[in-house]
């Protein structure tokens, strides 16, 4: 069967656009930071917003106002946590991981790769995506806090591109 009732189809046609407009409005109010995927927490919020929108549109037992309140709650919590993380190093440390150096000066950092469960092939794939075919062509390969891999082809004398990334043989990140 293609649908249960005409009423169900009508509900999707009415509630769907209203919920979507509410989400767009909340996102515009909360700012661009809400949908960035800078770390795992951001990804969870983005997925939760999509899941909530889906539930509002397709689940008959979820009233529009309840769903809109759920969207507002998620966005409000995300705003509060990111606002707090900008102002408190403790909150920042709690929700955000450190980037990890996987390769440096053409050599793999095996201990970091084991800790992050990354393989040589994973790093090679990142190099290929940047048009490189050998580790010696990369000054650094970094596993970012959002799970993406950055390849730095060259570093300036200051090495600003590696600020906040622990170097081999050090315990702490550069500030």
Protein backbone atom coordinates (compact mmCIF):
# COMPACT_ATOMS: atom_id res chain seq x y z
CA UNK A 1 0.00 0.00 0.00
CA UNK A 2 1.28 3.47 -0.84
CA UNK A 3 -0.29 5.28 2.13
CA UNK A 4 -2.59 4.66 5.07
CA UNK A 5 -5.00 7.57 4.89
CA UNK A 6 -5.50 10.84 3.08
CA UNK A 7 -5.34 12.49 6.48
CA UNK A 8 -1.79 11.17 6.95
CA UNK A 9 -0.71 12.60 3.61
CA UNK A 10 -2.31 15.94 4.40
CA UNK A 11 -0.53 16.00 7.78
CA UNK A 12 2.86 15.52 6.06
CA UNK A 13 2.05 18.30 3.56
CA UNK A 14 1.08 20.74 6.32
CA UNK A 15 3.41 19.79 9.19
CA UNK A 16 6.48 19.19 7.00
CA UNK A 17 6.88 22.73 5.67
CA UNK A 18 5.96 24.29 9.03
CA UNK A 19 8.54 22.20 10.91
CA UNK A 20 11.12 22.90 8.22
CA UNK A 21 10.48 26.65 8.42
CA UNK A 22 10.77 26.52 12.22
CA UNK A 23 14.12 24.71 11.93
CA UNK A 24 15.42 27.25 9.39
CA UNK A 25 14.30 30.12 11.64
CA UNK A 26 16.02 28.60 14.70
CA UNK A 27 19.21 27.99 12.70
CA UNK A 28 19.25 31.59 11.45
CA UNK A 29 18.76 32.89 14.99
CA UNK A 30 21.41 30.61 16.52
CA UNK A 31 24.07 31.44 13.92
CA UNK A 32 26.38 29.61 11.55
CA UNK A 33 28.23 27.80 14.34
CA UNK A 34 25.21 25.59 15.02
CA UNK A 35 25.72 23.44 11.92
CA UNK A 36 29.50 23.36 11.75
CA UNK A 37 31.02 19.97 12.29
CA UNK A 38 34.12 20.93 14.25
CA UNK A 39 33.94 17.94 16.59
CA UNK A 40 31.90 14.85 17.44
CA UNK A 41 29.49 16.87 19.57
CA UNK A 42 28.58 19.04 16.58
CA UNK A 43 27.95 15.98 14.44
CA UNK A 44 25.65 14.51 17.09
CA UNK A 45 23.62 17.73 17.22
CA UNK A 46 23.32 17.90 13.43
CA UNK A 47 22.15 14.28 13.21
CA UNK A 48 19.75 14.79 16.13
CA UNK A 49 18.21 17.83 14.42
CA UNK A 50 17.64 15.83 11.24
CA UNK A 51 16.18 12.93 13.18
CA UNK A 52 13.90 15.25 15.13
CA UNK A 53 12.66 16.94 11.96
CA UNK A 54 11.94 13.52 10.49
CA UNK A 55 10.00 12.49 13.59
CA UNK A 56 7.94 15.67 13.51
CA UNK A 57 6.99 15.12 9.86
CA UNK A 58 6.39 11.36 9.87
CA UNK A 59 5.32 10.41 13.40
CA UNK A 60 1.63 11.05 13.99
CA UNK A 61 2.03 10.95 17.77
CA UNK A 62 4.45 13.92 17.72
CA UNK A 63 2.52 17.18 17.63
CA UNK A 64 4.01 20.06 15.66
CA UNK A 65 4.50 22.23 18.75
CA UNK A 66 6.19 19.38 20.65
CA UNK A 67 8.55 18.81 17.75
CA UNK A 68 9.34 22.49 17.35
CA UNK A 69 10.08 22.65 21.08
CA UNK A 70 12.42 19.65 20.69
CA UNK A 71 14.27 21.43 17.86
CA UNK A 72 14.55 24.60 19.94
CA UNK A 73 15.83 22.59 22.90
CA UNK A 74 18.55 20.88 20.87
CA UNK A 75 19.68 24.14 19.29
CA UNK A 76 19.53 25.91 22.65
CA UNK A 77 21.66 23.23 24.31
CA UNK A 78 24.16 23.31 21.48
CA UNK A 79 24.34 27.10 21.71
CA UNK A 80 24.80 26.97 25.50
CA UNK A 81 27.55 24.36 25.34
CA UNK A 82 29.50 26.06 22.54
CA UNK A 83 29.08 29.46 24.24
CA UNK A 84 30.41 27.92 27.47
CA UNK A 85 33.31 26.22 25.69
CA UNK A 86 34.48 29.57 24.29
CA UNK A 87 34.52 31.03 27.80
CA UNK A 88 35.68 28.06 29.89
CA UNK A 89 38.76 25.93 29.19
CA UNK A 90 37.23 23.15 31.31
CA UNK A 91 34.09 22.96 29.19
CA UNK A 92 36.18 23.15 26.02
CA UNK A 93 38.37 20.26 27.20
CA UNK A 94 35.28 18.25 28.07
CA UNK A 95 33.59 18.48 24.67
CA UNK A 96 36.44 18.94 22.22
CA UNK A 97 39.23 16.50 21.47
CA UNK A 98 42.72 17.48 20.37
CA UNK A 99 43.88 17.10 16.76
CA UNK A 100 46.37 14.25 16.31
CA UNK A 101 49.53 14.31 14.22
CA UNK A 102 49.58 11.12 12.11
CA UNK A 103 52.64 11.92 9.98
CA UNK A 104 55.37 14.52 10.32
CA UNK A 105 58.27 15.38 8.02
CA UNK A 106 57.48 12.42 5.78
CA UNK A 107 57.34 9.84 8.60
CA UNK A 108 54.32 8.17 10.15
CA UNK A 109 53.74 8.67 13.87
CA UNK A 110 52.98 5.01 14.63
CA UNK A 111 51.99 5.52 18.28
CA UNK A 112 49.43 8.18 17.34
CA UNK A 113 48.08 6.04 14.52
CA UNK A 114 47.57 3.09 16.88
CA UNK A 115 45.86 5.31 19.46
CA UNK A 116 43.48 6.66 16.80
CA UNK A 117 43.00 3.25 15.10
CA UNK A 118 44.28 4.62 11.78
CA UNK A 119 46.19 2.57 9.22
CA UNK A 120 48.92 3.45 6.78
CA UNK A 121 46.33 3.01 4.01
CA UNK A 122 44.05 5.60 5.67
CA UNK A 123 46.86 8.16 5.60
CA UNK A 124 47.80 7.24 2.03
CA UNK A 125 44.18 7.81 0.98
CA UNK A 126 44.33 11.31 2.50
CA UNK A 127 47.57 12.00 0.63
CA UNK A 128 46.03 10.84 -2.65
CA UNK A 129 43.01 13.09 -2.14
CA UNK A 130 45.48 16.00 -2.03
CA UNK A 131 47.27 14.85 -5.18
CA UNK A 132 50.30 13.47 -3.33
CA UNK A 133 51.70 9.98 -3.82
CA UNK A 134 54.42 9.74 -1.17
CA UNK A 135 54.77 10.54 2.53
CA UNK A 136 57.86 12.63 1.80
CA UNK A 137 55.64 15.14 -0.03
CA UNK A 138 53.67 15.92 3.15
CA UNK A 139 55.07 18.11 5.91
CA UNK A 140 52.28 16.93 8.20
CA UNK A 141 49.12 14.82 8.22
CA UNK A 142 46.64 15.65 10.99
CA UNK A 143 43.52 13.82 12.17
CA UNK A 144 41.25 16.75 13.00
CA UNK A 145 38.76 16.95 15.86
CA UNK A 146 35.86 16.35 13.45
CA UNK A 147 37.41 13.13 12.10
CA UNK A 148 38.62 14.63 8.83
CA UNK A 149 42.27 14.37 7.79
CA UNK A 150 44.26 17.47 6.84
CA UNK A 151 47.41 17.26 4.76
CA UNK A 152 49.89 20.13 5.03
CA UNK A 153 52.18 20.13 2.03
CA UNK A 154 54.62 22.58 3.56
CA UNK A 155 55.07 24.39 6.85
CA UNK A 156 56.20 27.96 7.28
CA UNK A 157 59.10 28.56 9.62
CA UNK A 158 56.63 29.31 12.42
CA UNK A 159 54.56 26.18 11.85
CA UNK A 160 51.27 27.93 12.69
CA UNK A 161 49.36 25.19 10.88
CA UNK A 162 50.29 22.82 13.70
CA UNK A 163 49.23 25.04 16.61
CA UNK A 164 47.27 22.90 19.04
CA UNK A 165 48.65 19.66 17.58
CA UNK A 166 51.01 17.61 19.76
CA UNK A 167 54.35 16.93 18.07
CA UNK A 168 56.20 13.61 18.28
CA UNK A 169 58.03 13.32 21.57
CA UNK A 170 55.87 15.89 23.38
CA UNK A 171 53.01 15.43 25.81
CA UNK A 172 51.29 18.77 25.36
CA UNK A 173 49.97 20.68 22.38
CA UNK A 174 51.56 23.91 21.28
CA UNK A 175 49.41 26.89 22.13
